[in-house]
Amino acid sequence: MTRTENNGGGDPARTIATLWGTRQLPRRGPKHTLTSEQVIAAAVELADGDQDLATLSMRRVAESLGVGTMSLYTYVASREELLEAMLDRVYGEAVRELGEPGDRDWVEGLREVARANWDLCLRHPWVLQVFTGRPPLGPRSIAKYERELAVVEGLGLTDVEMDSVITLVRDHVQGTARRRIEADRAVRRTGMDDAQWWAKAGPALAEVFEPESFPLAARVGQSAGEAHNGAHDPEHAYAFGLARLLDGVITLVKTR
């Protein structure tokens, strides 16, 4: 099971200064050979390669940049602050993907919000290891939230309902993306895809499983397995769940 981390662990004022580019580097001491953006980019590259945050450390980031570990603290004060900056950097990708609000239909706009978050999770699986219990403080994070909210602006929803709709979409995406990523990890860990695994498990289960004792599980499980070519299809779960979720939001909007 992958390790979960929390955002907001660093000093808030210092973190905001780093994220918004207002932090002043020390004038005394060794000459500055890097920038904060280079340090953050190197950390994102390492996390993407590992697809995991467990092995991310200031030492590894420093080694990838060819500098001493202590020199990194000139640019980013802590690992917690670095993690916050990494999130803000990759959230900028979703901002670009969503683009400026236009004349698009709001339902299609929510589909685009879902797809931008889905793509973000699959490009950077480690973001799902960060529990964002506190609001991200960076400019790209806030810009992402702004563009997501713009999709449901003017529909007659209250501000709380607007926030809840966007949260609902993102939570659905993150849940199904996590299943997709964990399934990929299982393949790498076991060296078997679902078909290969079932080729081994199926005959053993058939020796002990009595369909008449579990008629619903036998019937529905077989139908789903044949449809998905496996026990679960994350892409189907993403699309099916999003469609049902949008049905509910459409009903809510109609009451306005």
C-alpha atoms as a PDB file:
ATOM      1  CA  MET A   1       0.000   0.000   0.000  1.00  0.00           C
ATOM      2  CA  THR A   2       1.414   3.389  -1.008  1.00  0.00           C
ATOM      3  CA  ARG A   3       2.206   5.958   1.629  1.00  0.00           C
ATOM      4  CA  THR A   4      -0.184   8.896   1.999  1.00  0.00           C
ATOM      5  CA  GLU A   5       1.125  12.358   2.813  1.00  0.00           C
ATOM      6  CA  ASN A   6      -0.598  15.579   3.828  1.00  0.00           C
ATOM      7  CA  ASN A   7      -0.176  18.981   2.279  1.00  0.00           C
ATOM      8  CA  GLY A   8       0.145  22.126   4.354  1.00  0.00           C
ATOM      9  CA  GLY A   9       2.863  20.714   6.599  1.00  0.00           C
ATOM     10  CA  GLY A  10       5.354  23.543   6.161  1.00  0.00           C
ATOM     11  CA  ASP A  11       5.332  27.061   7.530  1.00  0.00           C
ATOM     12  CA  PRO A  12       2.357  28.711   5.731  1.00  0.00           C
ATOM     13  CA  ALA A  13       3.896  32.182   5.303  1.00  0.00           C
ATOM     14  CA  ARG A  14       7.201  30.805   4.055  1.00  0.00           C
ATOM     15  CA  THR A  15       5.437  28.361   1.728  1.00  0.00           C
ATOM     16  CA  ILE A  16       3.311  31.136   0.229  1.00  0.00           C
ATOM     17  CA  ALA A  17       6.433  33.227  -0.387  1.00  0.00           C
ATOM     18  CA  THR A  18       8.036  30.320  -2.268  1.00  0.00           C
ATOM     19  CA  LEU A  19       4.910  29.531  -4.297  1.00  0.00           C
ATOM     20  CA  TRP A  20       4.274  33.125  -5.301  1.00  0.00           C
ATOM     21  CA  GLY A  21       7.920  33.957  -5.978  1.00  0.00           C
ATOM     22  CA  THR A  22       8.280  36.612  -3.284  1.00  0.00           C
ATOM     23  CA  ARG A  23      10.848  34.804  -1.158  1.00  0.00           C
ATOM     24  CA  GLN A  24      14.200  36.567  -1.142  1.00  0.00           C
ATOM     25  CA  LEU A  25      17.266  34.352  -1.456  1.00  0.00           C
ATOM     26  CA  PRO A  26      20.118  35.077   0.990  1.00  0.00           C
ATOM     27  CA  ARG A  27      22.552  37.696  -0.305  1.00  0.00           C
ATOM     28  CA  ARG A  28      25.445  36.331   1.692  1.00  0.00           C
ATOM     29  CA  GLY A  29      27.082  32.955   1.332  1.00  0.00           C
ATOM     30  CA  PRO A  30      27.856  30.891  -1.796  1.00  0.00           C
ATOM     31  CA  LYS A  31      26.707  32.078  -5.207  1.00  0.00           C
ATOM     32  CA  HIS A  32      23.262  30.835  -6.185  1.00  0.00           C
ATOM     33  CA  THR A  33      23.641  28.385  -9.076  1.00  0.00           C
ATOM     34  CA  LEU A  34      20.016  27.221  -9.232  1.00  0.00           C
ATOM     35  CA  THR A  35      16.506  28.601  -9.042  1.00  0.00           C
ATOM     36  CA  SER A  36      13.574  27.383  -6.989  1.00  0.00           C
ATOM     37  CA  GLU A  37      11.820  26.376 -10.222  1.00  0.00           C
ATOM     38  CA  GLN A  38      14.741  24.126 -11.200  1.00  0.00           C
ATOM     39  CA  VAL A  39      14.613  22.390  -7.824  1.00  0.00           C
ATOM     40  CA  ILE A  40      10.845  21.877  -8.067  1.00  0.00           C
ATOM     41  CA  ALA A  41      11.080  20.603 -11.655  1.00  0.00           C
ATOM     42  CA  ALA A  42      13.766  18.092 -10.655  1.00  0.00           C
ATOM     43  CA  ALA A  43      11.609  16.815  -7.797  1.00  0.00           C
ATOM     44  CA  VAL A  44       8.597  16.373 -10.099  1.00  0.00           C
ATOM     45  CA  GLU A  45      10.747  14.455 -12.580  1.00  0.00           C
ATOM     46  CA  LEU A  46      11.941  12.085  -9.846  1.00  0.00           C
ATOM     47  CA  ALA A  47       8.425  11.522  -8.490  1.00  0.00           C
ATOM     48  CA  ASP A  48       7.103  10.883 -12.007  1.00  0.00           C
ATOM     49  CA  GLY A  49       9.832   8.347 -12.642  1.00  0.00           C
ATOM     50  CA  ASP A  50       9.238   6.540  -9.363  1.00  0.00           C
ATOM     51  CA  GLN A  51       5.435   6.985  -9.550  1.00  0.00           C
ATOM     52  CA  ASP A  52       5.721   7.229  -5.790  1.00  0.00           C
ATOM     53  CA  LEU A  53       6.607   9.793  -3.131  1.00  0.00           C
ATOM     54  CA  ALA A  54       8.022   7.305  -0.639  1.00  0.00           C
ATOM     55  CA  THR A  55      11.554   7.555  -2.034  1.00  0.00           C
ATOM     56  CA  LEU A  56      11.530  11.301  -2.698  1.00  0.00           C
ATOM     57  CA  SER A  57      14.038  13.094  -0.505  1.00  0.00           C
ATOM     58  CA  MET A  58      15.978  16.340  -0.555  1.00  0.00           C
ATOM     59  CA  ARG A  59      19.146  14.272  -0.926  1.00  0.00           C
ATOM     60  CA  ARG A  60      17.919  12.575  -4.110  1.00  0.00           C
ATOM     61  CA  VAL A  61      16.792  15.867  -5.591  1.00  0.00           C
ATOM     62  CA  ALA A  62      20.179  17.385  -4.808  1.00  0.00           C
ATOM     63  CA  GLU A  63      21.998  14.435  -6.397  1.00  0.00           C
ATOM     64  CA  SER A  64      19.913  14.761  -9.564  1.00  0.00           C
ATOM     65  CA  LEU A  65      20.983  18.416  -9.798  1.00  0.00           C
ATOM     66  CA  GLY A  66      24.618  17.728  -8.966  1.00  0.00           C
ATOM     67  CA  VAL A  67      24.687  19.837  -5.797  1.00  0.00           C
ATOM     68  CA  GLY A  68      24.982  19.249  -2.078  1.00  0.00           C
ATOM     69  CA  THR A  69      21.845  18.485  -0.120  1.00  0.00           C
ATOM     70  CA  MET A  70      22.181  21.475   2.215  1.00  0.00           C
ATOM     71  CA  SER A  71      22.316  23.878  -0.729  1.00  0.00           C
ATOM     72  CA  LEU A  72      18.721  22.968  -1.652  1.00  0.00           C
ATOM     73  CA  TYR A  73      17.426  24.539   1.554  1.00  0.00           C
ATOM     74  CA  THR A  74      18.445  27.898   0.118  1.00  0.00           C
ATOM     75  CA  TYR A  75      15.668  27.532  -2.462  1.00  0.00           C
ATOM     76  CA  VAL A  76      13.076  25.338  -0.710  1.00  0.00           C
ATOM     77  CA  ALA A  77      13.056  25.317   3.077  1.00  0.00           C
ATOM     78  CA  SER A  78      11.724  21.780   3.654  1.00  0.00           C
ATOM     79  CA  ARG A  79      10.432  18.641   1.996  1.00  0.00           C
ATOM     80  CA  GLU A  80       6.905  19.677   2.987  1.00  0.00           C
ATOM     81  CA  GLU A  81       7.345  22.987   1.201  1.00  0.00           C
ATOM     82  CA  LEU A  82       8.820  21.203  -1.807  1.00  0.00           C
ATOM     83  CA  LEU A  83       5.802  18.897  -1.994  1.00  0.00           C
ATOM     84  CA  GLU A  84       3.438  21.888  -1.943  1.00  0.00           C
ATOM     85  CA  ALA A  85       5.399  23.482  -4.779  1.00  0.00           C
ATOM     86  CA  MET A  86       5.384  20.253  -6.794  1.00  0.00           C
ATOM     87  CA  LEU A  87       1.587  20.097  -6.573  1.00  0.00           C
ATOM     88  CA  ASP A  88       1.251  23.700  -7.666  1.00  0.00           C
ATOM     89  CA  ARG A  89       3.550  23.111 -10.623  1.00  0.00           C
ATOM     90  CA  VAL A  90       1.613  20.139 -12.009  1.00  0.00           C
ATOM     91  CA  TYR A  91      -1.750  21.802 -11.333  1.00  0.00           C
ATOM     92  CA  GLY A  92      -0.643  24.350 -13.909  1.00  0.00           C
ATOM     93  CA  GLU A  93      -0.997  21.632 -16.551  1.00  0.00           C
ATOM     94  CA  ALA A  94      -4.714  21.345 -15.787  1.00  0.00           C
ATOM     95  CA  VAL A  95      -5.057  25.133 -16.006  1.00  0.00           C
ATOM     96  CA  ARG A  96      -3.641  25.056 -19.530  1.00  0.00           C
ATOM     97  CA  GLU A  97      -5.793  22.073 -20.482  1.00  0.00           C
ATOM     98  CA  LEU A  98      -8.987  23.737 -19.269  1.00  0.00           C
ATOM     99  CA  GLY A  99      -8.199  27.013 -20.997  1.00  0.00           C
ATOM    100  CA  GLU A 100     -10.182  30.210 -20.666  1.00  0.00           C
ATOM    101  CA  PRO A 101     -13.941  29.961 -20.045  1.00  0.00           C
ATOM    102  CA  GLY A 102     -15.817  30.111 -23.351  1.00  0.00           C
ATOM    103  CA  ASP A 103     -19.290  29.504 -24.718  1.00  0.00           C
ATOM    104  CA  ARG A 104     -19.170  25.756 -24.094  1.00  0.00           C
ATOM    105  CA  ASP A 105     -22.150  23.963 -22.598  1.00  0.00           C
ATOM    106  CA  TRP A 106     -21.702  23.593 -18.842  1.00  0.00           C
ATOM    107  CA  VAL A 107     -22.235  19.827 -18.930  1.00  0.00           C
ATOM    108  CA  GLU A 108     -19.459  19.500 -21.498  1.00  0.00           C
ATOM    109  CA  GLY A 109     -17.425  21.861 -19.338  1.00  0.00           C
ATOM    110  CA  LEU A 110     -17.725  19.496 -16.369  1.00  0.00           C
ATOM    111  CA  ARG A 111     -16.636  16.625 -18.608  1.00  0.00           C
ATOM    112  CA  GLU A 112     -13.556  18.683 -19.484  1.00  0.00           C
ATOM    113  CA  VAL A 113     -12.908  19.335 -15.794  1.00  0.00           C
ATOM    114  CA  ALA A 114     -13.112  15.598 -15.162  1.00  0.00           C
ATOM    115  CA  ARG A 115     -10.825  14.746 -18.071  1.00  0.00           C
ATOM    116  CA  ALA A 116      -8.237  17.368 -17.091  1.00  0.00           C
ATOM    117  CA  ASN A 117      -8.082  15.918 -13.562  1.00  0.00           C
ATOM    118  CA  TRP A 118      -7.999  12.330 -14.892  1.00  0.00           C
ATOM    119  CA  ASP A 119      -5.108  13.135 -17.232  1.00  0.00           C
ATOM    120  CA  LEU A 120      -3.277  14.897 -14.403  1.00  0.00           C
ATOM    121  CA  CYS A 121      -3.575  11.856 -12.120  1.00  0.00           C
ATOM    122  CA  LEU A 122      -2.330   9.455 -14.784  1.00  0.00           C
ATOM    123  CA  ARG A 123       0.620  11.673 -15.752  1.00  0.00           C
ATOM    124  CA  HIS A 124       1.598  12.208 -12.121  1.00  0.00           C
ATOM    125  CA  PRO A 125       0.289   9.249 -10.050  1.00  0.00           C
ATOM    126  CA  TRP A 126       2.017  10.562  -6.934  1.00  0.00           C
ATOM    127  CA  VAL A 127      -0.518  13.416  -6.617  1.00  0.00           C
ATOM    128  CA  LEU A 128      -3.001  10.809  -5.356  1.00  0.00           C
ATOM    129  CA  GLN A 129      -0.694  10.127  -2.418  1.00  0.00           C
ATOM    130  CA  VAL A 130      -1.158  13.686  -1.172  1.00  0.00           C
ATOM    131  CA  PHE A 131      -4.208  14.281   0.982  1.00  0.00           C
ATOM    132  CA  THR A 132      -5.027  17.930   0.368  1.00  0.00           C
ATOM    133  CA  GLY A 133      -6.874  18.463   3.615  1.00  0.00           C
ATOM    134  CA  ARG A 134      -5.842  22.126   3.606  1.00  0.00           C
ATOM    135  CA  PRO A 135      -6.465  24.384   0.602  1.00  0.00           C
ATOM    136  CA  PRO A 136      -3.454  24.497  -1.743  1.00  0.00           C
ATOM    137  CA  LEU A 137      -1.947  27.979  -1.529  1.00  0.00           C
ATOM    138  CA  GLY A 138      -0.179  28.391  -4.860  1.00  0.00           C
ATOM    139  CA  PRO A 139      -1.155  30.552  -7.852  1.00  0.00           C
ATOM    140  CA  ARG A 140      -1.632  27.619 -10.239  1.00  0.00           C
ATOM    141  CA  SER A 141      -3.702  25.706  -7.697  1.00  0.00           C
ATOM    142  CA  ILE A 142      -5.998  28.676  -7.234  1.00  0.00           C
ATOM    143  CA  ALA A 143      -6.165  29.280 -10.995  1.00  0.00           C
ATOM    144  CA  LYS A 144      -7.226  25.649 -11.495  1.00  0.00           C
ATOM    145  CA  TYR A 145     -10.015  26.055  -8.943  1.00  0.00           C
ATOM    146  CA  GLU A 146     -11.072  29.339 -10.572  1.00  0.00           C
ATOM    147  CA  ARG A 147     -11.414  27.743 -14.026  1.00  0.00           C
ATOM    148  CA  GLU A 148     -13.261  24.753 -12.647  1.00  0.00           C
ATOM    149  CA  LEU A 149     -15.742  26.999 -10.852  1.00  0.00           C
ATOM    150  CA  ALA A 150     -16.245  29.118 -13.978  1.00  0.00           C
ATOM    151  CA  VAL A 151     -17.898  26.098 -15.627  1.00  0.00           C
ATOM    152  CA  VAL A 152     -20.831  26.178 -13.178  1.00  0.00           C
ATOM    153  CA  GLU A 153     -21.029  29.941 -12.690  1.00  0.00           C
ATOM    154  CA  GLY A 154     -24.404  31.469 -13.581  1.00  0.00           C
ATOM    155  CA  LEU A 155     -26.450  28.258 -13.261  1.00  0.00           C
ATOM    156  CA  GLY A 156     -28.344  29.445 -10.204  1.00  0.00           C
ATOM    157  CA  LEU A 157     -26.370  27.316  -7.772  1.00  0.00           C
ATOM    158  CA  THR A 158     -25.266  28.737  -4.449  1.00  0.00           C
ATOM    159  CA  ASP A 159     -21.555  29.262  -3.896  1.00  0.00           C
ATOM    160  CA  VAL A 160     -21.472  26.245  -1.578  1.00  0.00           C
ATOM    161  CA  GLU A 161     -23.235  24.111  -4.214  1.00  0.00           C
ATOM    162  CA  MET A 162     -20.757  25.267  -6.882  1.00  0.00           C
ATOM    163  CA  ASP A 163     -17.855  24.194  -4.683  1.00  0.00           C
ATOM    164  CA  SER A 164     -19.618  20.895  -3.888  1.00  0.00           C
ATOM    165  CA  VAL A 165     -20.193  20.062  -7.569  1.00  0.00           C
ATOM    166  CA  ILE A 166     -16.524  20.602  -8.435  1.00  0.00           C
ATOM    167  CA  THR A 167     -15.435  18.607  -5.374  1.00  0.00           C
ATOM    168  CA  LEU A 168     -17.812  15.782  -6.339  1.00  0.00           C
ATOM    169  CA  VAL A 169     -16.350  15.578  -9.850  1.00  0.00           C
ATOM    170  CA  ARG A 170     -12.763  15.632  -8.608  1.00  0.00           C
ATOM    171  CA  ASP A 171     -13.412  13.033  -5.900  1.00  0.00           C
ATOM    172  CA  HIS A 172     -14.955  10.678  -8.467  1.00  0.00           C
ATOM    173  CA  VAL A 173     -12.020  11.128 -10.830  1.00  0.00           C
ATOM    174  CA  GLN A 174      -9.441  10.592  -8.106  1.00  0.00           C
ATOM    175  CA  GLY A 175     -11.173   7.436  -6.885  1.00  0.00           C
ATOM    176  CA  THR A 176     -11.337   5.808 -10.316  1.00  0.00           C
ATOM    177  CA  ALA A 177      -7.833   6.998 -11.242  1.00  0.00           C
ATOM    178  CA  ARG A 178      -6.495   5.439  -8.045  1.00  0.00           C
ATOM    179  CA  ARG A 179      -8.046   2.092  -9.054  1.00  0.00           C
ATOM    180  CA  ARG A 180      -6.454   2.389 -12.492  1.00  0.00           C
ATOM    181  CA  ILE A 181      -3.019   3.197 -11.082  1.00  0.00           C
ATOM    182  CA  GLU A 182      -3.169   0.446  -8.457  1.00  0.00           C
ATOM    183  CA  ALA A 183      -4.179  -2.048 -11.160  1.00  0.00           C
ATOM    184  CA  ASP A 184      -1.134  -1.026 -13.220  1.00  0.00           C
ATOM    185  CA  ARG A 185       1.072  -1.428 -10.161  1.00  0.00           C
ATOM    186  CA  ALA A 186      -0.355  -4.904  -9.555  1.00  0.00           C
ATOM    187  CA  VAL A 187       0.620  -5.926 -13.084  1.00  0.00           C
ATOM    188  CA  ARG A 188       4.169  -4.664 -12.573  1.00  0.00           C
ATOM    189  CA  ARG A 189       4.418  -6.266  -9.128  1.00  0.00           C
ATOM    190  CA  THR A 190       3.091  -9.706 -10.128  1.00  0.00           C
ATOM    191  CA  GLY A 191       4.259  -9.804 -13.738  1.00  0.00           C
ATOM    192  CA  MET A 192       0.742 -10.883 -14.788  1.00  0.00           C
ATOM    193  CA  ASP A 193      -2.099  -8.963 -16.404  1.00  0.00           C
ATOM    194  CA  ASP A 194      -5.719  -9.767 -15.470  1.00  0.00           C
ATOM    195  CA  ALA A 195      -6.089 -12.409 -18.167  1.00  0.00           C
ATOM    196  CA  GLN A 196      -2.917 -14.207 -17.076  1.00  0.00           C
ATOM    197  CA  TRP A 197      -3.907 -13.991 -13.421  1.00  0.00           C
ATOM    198  CA  TRP A 198      -7.390 -15.374 -14.120  1.00  0.00           C
ATOM    199  CA  ALA A 199      -5.952 -18.213 -16.181  1.00  0.00           C
ATOM    200  CA  LYS A 200      -4.331 -19.393 -12.949  1.00  0.00           C
ATOM    201  CA  ALA A 201      -7.025 -18.423 -10.470  1.00  0.00           C
ATOM    202  CA  GLY A 202     -10.040 -19.556 -12.513  1.00  0.00           C
ATOM    203  CA  PRO A 203      -9.420 -23.330 -12.483  1.00  0.00           C
ATOM    204  CA  ALA A 204      -8.604 -23.277  -8.756  1.00  0.00           C
ATOM    205  CA  LEU A 205     -11.776 -21.326  -7.962  1.00  0.00           C
ATOM    206  CA  ALA A 206     -13.912 -23.639 -10.122  1.00  0.00           C
ATOM    207  CA  GLU A 207     -12.963 -26.556  -7.864  1.00  0.00           C
ATOM    208  CA  VAL A 208     -14.505 -24.923  -4.783  1.00  0.00           C
ATOM    209  CA  PHE A 209     -17.087 -22.443  -6.096  1.00  0.00           C
ATOM    210  CA  GLU A 210     -20.708 -23.612  -6.374  1.00  0.00           C
ATOM    211  CA  PRO A 211     -22.707 -21.151  -8.575  1.00  0.00           C
ATOM    212  CA  GLU A 212     -26.057 -22.325  -7.187  1.00  0.00           C
ATOM    213  CA  SER A 213     -24.979 -21.156  -3.712  1.00  0.00           C
ATOM    214  CA  PHE A 214     -24.249 -17.646  -4.995  1.00  0.00           C
ATOM    215  CA  PRO A 215     -26.529 -17.204  -8.021  1.00  0.00           C
ATOM    216  CA  LEU A 216     -26.385 -13.414  -8.229  1.00  0.00           C
ATOM    217  CA  ALA A 217     -22.634 -13.241  -7.750  1.00  0.00           C
ATOM    218  CA  ALA A 218     -22.152 -15.971 -10.370  1.00  0.00           C
ATOM    219  CA  ARG A 219     -24.433 -14.378 -12.972  1.00  0.00           C
ATOM    220  CA  VAL A 220     -23.477 -10.733 -12.535  1.00  0.00           C
ATOM    221  CA  GLY A 221     -19.804 -11.465 -11.987  1.00  0.00           C
ATOM    222  CA  GLN A 222     -19.629 -13.469 -15.197  1.00  0.00           C
ATOM    223  CA  SER A 223     -21.423 -10.746 -17.186  1.00  0.00           C
ATOM    224  CA  ALA A 224     -19.181  -7.988 -15.814  1.00  0.00           C
ATOM    225  CA  GLY A 225     -16.043 -10.048 -16.304  1.00  0.00           C
ATOM    226  CA  GLU A 226     -16.918 -10.755 -19.929  1.00  0.00           C
ATOM    227  CA  ALA A 227     -17.797  -7.109 -20.581  1.00  0.00           C
ATOM    228  CA  HIS A 228     -14.612  -5.766 -18.981  1.00  0.00           C
ATOM    229  CA  ASN A 229     -12.332  -8.663 -19.911  1.00  0.00           C
ATOM    230  CA  GLY A 230     -11.407  -8.686 -16.241  1.00  0.00           C
ATOM    231  CA  ALA A 231     -12.821  -8.060 -12.795  1.00  0.00           C
ATOM    232  CA  HIS A 232     -12.777  -4.299 -13.190  1.00  0.00           C
ATOM    233  CA  ASP A 233     -12.388  -1.704 -15.960  1.00  0.00           C
ATOM    234  CA  PRO A 234     -11.282   1.680 -14.550  1.00  0.00           C
ATOM    235  CA  GLU A 235     -12.108   3.496 -17.787  1.00  0.00           C
ATOM    236  CA  HIS A 236     -15.663   2.133 -17.687  1.00  0.00           C
ATOM    237  CA  ALA A 237     -15.988   3.032 -14.017  1.00  0.00           C
ATOM    238  CA  TYR A 238     -14.783   6.560 -14.803  1.00  0.00           C
ATOM    239  CA  ALA A 239     -17.222   7.062 -17.696  1.00  0.00           C
ATOM    240  CA  PHE A 240     -20.215   5.347 -16.052  1.00  0.00           C
ATOM    241  CA  GLY A 241     -19.782   7.142 -12.749  1.00  0.00           C
ATOM    242  CA  LEU A 242     -19.279  10.524 -14.394  1.00  0.00           C
ATOM    243  CA  ALA A 243     -22.434  10.093 -16.493  1.00  0.00           C
ATOM    244  CA  ARG A 244     -24.526   9.252 -13.428  1.00  0.00           C
ATOM    245  CA  LEU A 245     -22.954  12.099 -11.478  1.00  0.00           C
ATOM    246  CA  LEU A 246     -23.772  14.571 -14.264  1.00  0.00           C
ATOM    247  CA  ASP A 247     -27.354  13.282 -14.350  1.00  0.00           C
ATOM    248  CA  GLY A 248     -27.655  14.273 -10.713  1.00  0.00           C
ATOM    249  CA  VAL A 249     -26.152  17.732 -11.240  1.00  0.00           C
ATOM    250  CA  ILE A 250     -28.479  18.322 -14.216  1.00  0.00           C
ATOM    251  CA  THR A 251     -31.431  17.507 -11.958  1.00  0.00           C
ATOM    252  CA  LEU A 252     -30.111  19.927  -9.325  1.00  0.00           C
ATOM    253  CA  VAL A 253     -29.716  22.726 -11.880  1.00  0.00           C
ATOM    254  CA  LYS A 254     -33.232  22.155 -13.223  1.00  0.00           C
ATOM    255  CA  THR A 255     -34.648  22.840  -9.754  1.00  0.00           C
ATOM    256  CA  ARG A 256     -33.202  26.335 -10.026  1.00  0.00           C
END
